[in-house]
Protein backbone atom coordinates (compact mmCIF):
# COMPACT_ATOMS: atom_id res chain seq x y z
CA MET A 1 -21.22 20.00 18.43
CA ALA A 2 -24.73 19.51 19.69
CA THR A 3 -26.46 16.76 21.57
CA GLU A 4 -30.12 15.82 21.57
CA VAL A 5 -31.99 15.90 24.87
CA GLU A 6 -35.43 14.66 25.81
CA GLY A 7 -37.93 15.65 23.15
CA ILE A 8 -41.07 17.73 23.38
CA GLU A 9 -44.24 15.88 22.42
CA ILE A 10 -47.14 17.89 21.06
CA PRO A 11 -50.21 15.69 20.59
CA TYR A 12 -52.04 16.02 17.28
CA ASN A 13 -55.80 16.09 17.73
CA TRP A 14 -57.37 14.64 14.60
CA ASN A 15 -60.79 16.01 15.66
CA HIS A 16 -59.60 19.61 15.39
CA ASN A 17 -59.71 21.60 12.20
CA TRP A 18 -56.52 23.15 10.80
CA THR A 19 -57.00 26.50 12.58
CA GLN A 20 -57.62 24.87 15.96
CA GLN A 21 -54.62 22.58 15.51
CA ASN A 22 -52.34 25.50 14.59
CA ARG A 23 -53.44 27.40 17.70
CA ALA A 24 -52.76 24.34 19.87
CA TYR A 25 -49.31 23.88 18.26
CA ASP A 26 -48.40 27.54 18.76
CA ALA A 27 -49.48 27.42 22.42
CA ALA A 28 -47.47 24.25 23.02
CA ILE A 29 -44.36 25.78 21.41
CA LYS A 30 -44.69 28.90 23.57
CA ALA A 31 -45.10 26.75 26.70
CA ALA A 32 -42.04 24.65 25.81
CA ARG A 33 -40.02 27.81 25.15
CA ARG A 34 -40.98 29.26 28.56
CA MET A 35 -40.07 25.98 30.29
CA LEU A 36 -36.65 25.81 28.61
CA ARG A 37 -35.90 29.47 29.34
CA ARG A 38 -36.58 28.88 33.04
CA LYS A 39 -33.94 26.12 32.98
CA SER A 40 -31.30 27.75 30.77
CA ARG A 41 -30.24 31.25 29.82
CA GLY A 42 -29.23 32.35 26.37
CA LYS A 43 -30.37 34.40 23.42
CA TRP A 44 -31.09 31.30 21.30
CA VAL A 45 -32.84 29.12 23.91
CA GLY A 46 -36.25 28.36 22.46
CA ALA A 47 -35.27 28.96 18.83
CA LEU A 48 -36.66 26.48 16.32
CA ILE A 49 -34.55 24.88 13.62
CA SER A 50 -35.93 22.49 11.02
CA TRP A 51 -34.89 20.43 8.03
CA GLN A 52 -37.12 19.14 5.28
CA VAL A 53 -37.67 15.39 5.51
CA ALA A 54 -39.93 13.45 3.14
CA ASP A 55 -43.16 15.46 2.83
CA GLY A 56 -42.68 17.44 6.05
CA TYR A 57 -40.08 18.81 8.43
CA ALA A 58 -37.96 17.56 11.29
CA THR A 59 -38.13 20.33 13.90
CA TYR A 60 -35.92 20.88 16.94
CA MET A 61 -35.81 23.54 19.64
CA VAL A 62 -32.64 24.88 21.23
CA ALA A 63 -32.71 23.72 24.84
CA GLN A 64 -29.31 25.05 25.94
CA GLU A 65 -26.53 27.04 24.29
CA GLN A 66 -23.42 25.94 26.22
CA PRO A 67 -22.99 23.10 25.53
CA LEU A 68 -25.43 23.18 22.61
CA GLN A 69 -28.44 20.94 23.20
CA VAL A 70 -31.59 20.58 21.09
CA ALA A 71 -34.91 18.89 21.79
CA HIS A 72 -36.89 17.16 19.07
CA ILE A 73 -40.41 18.51 18.54
CA ASP A 74 -42.52 15.37 18.18
CA TYR A 75 -45.58 16.60 16.30
CA GLY A 76 -47.63 15.18 13.44
CA ASP A 77 -45.43 12.69 11.61
CA GLY A 78 -42.62 13.32 14.10
CA TYR A 79 -39.88 13.35 11.48
CA ARG A 80 -36.29 13.32 12.72
CA VAL A 81 -32.99 13.97 11.03
CA ASP A 82 -30.09 11.56 11.07
CA PRO A 83 -28.20 11.92 14.39
CA ILE A 84 -25.10 13.01 12.47
CA MET A 85 -26.93 16.24 11.58
CA ILE A 86 -27.42 16.99 15.27
CA ARG A 87 -23.84 16.09 16.19
CA GLY A 88 -22.52 18.45 13.55
CA LEU A 89 -24.77 21.35 14.53
CA LEU A 90 -23.02 24.45 15.90
CA LEU A 91 -24.43 27.52 17.62
CA SER A 92 -23.23 29.55 14.61
CA ASP A 93 -25.58 27.42 12.45
CA ILE A 94 -28.47 28.38 14.71
CA GLU A 95 -27.50 32.05 14.50
CA GLU A 96 -27.30 31.85 10.71
CA ARG A 97 -30.60 30.01 10.11
CA CYS A 98 -32.93 31.24 12.85
CA GLU A 99 -34.55 34.35 14.19
CA VAL A 100 -34.29 35.11 17.88
CA PRO A 101 -37.47 33.71 19.47
CA VAL A 102 -39.92 36.16 21.00
């Protein structure tokens, strides 16, 4: 069972073009991953998991493996999944659906 911890907000700059915004998003994800890895050890810390919601995705990052904790990535529309999805999430689900982050 997982719990949700404080989310990671990535501001969306409407003045940037798509390429600039993607670079900013990638840099913010890498920074969040580094921060979480300083706080917690584990192969899956920093892995992203997402579910399709409406016309986008609800994205979360593994913050800690034991006990499993995920942080919501608040970006763009900031879609979230129903909390029951998070409560039912297991580390084996992460292992099955994700690649080990670089």
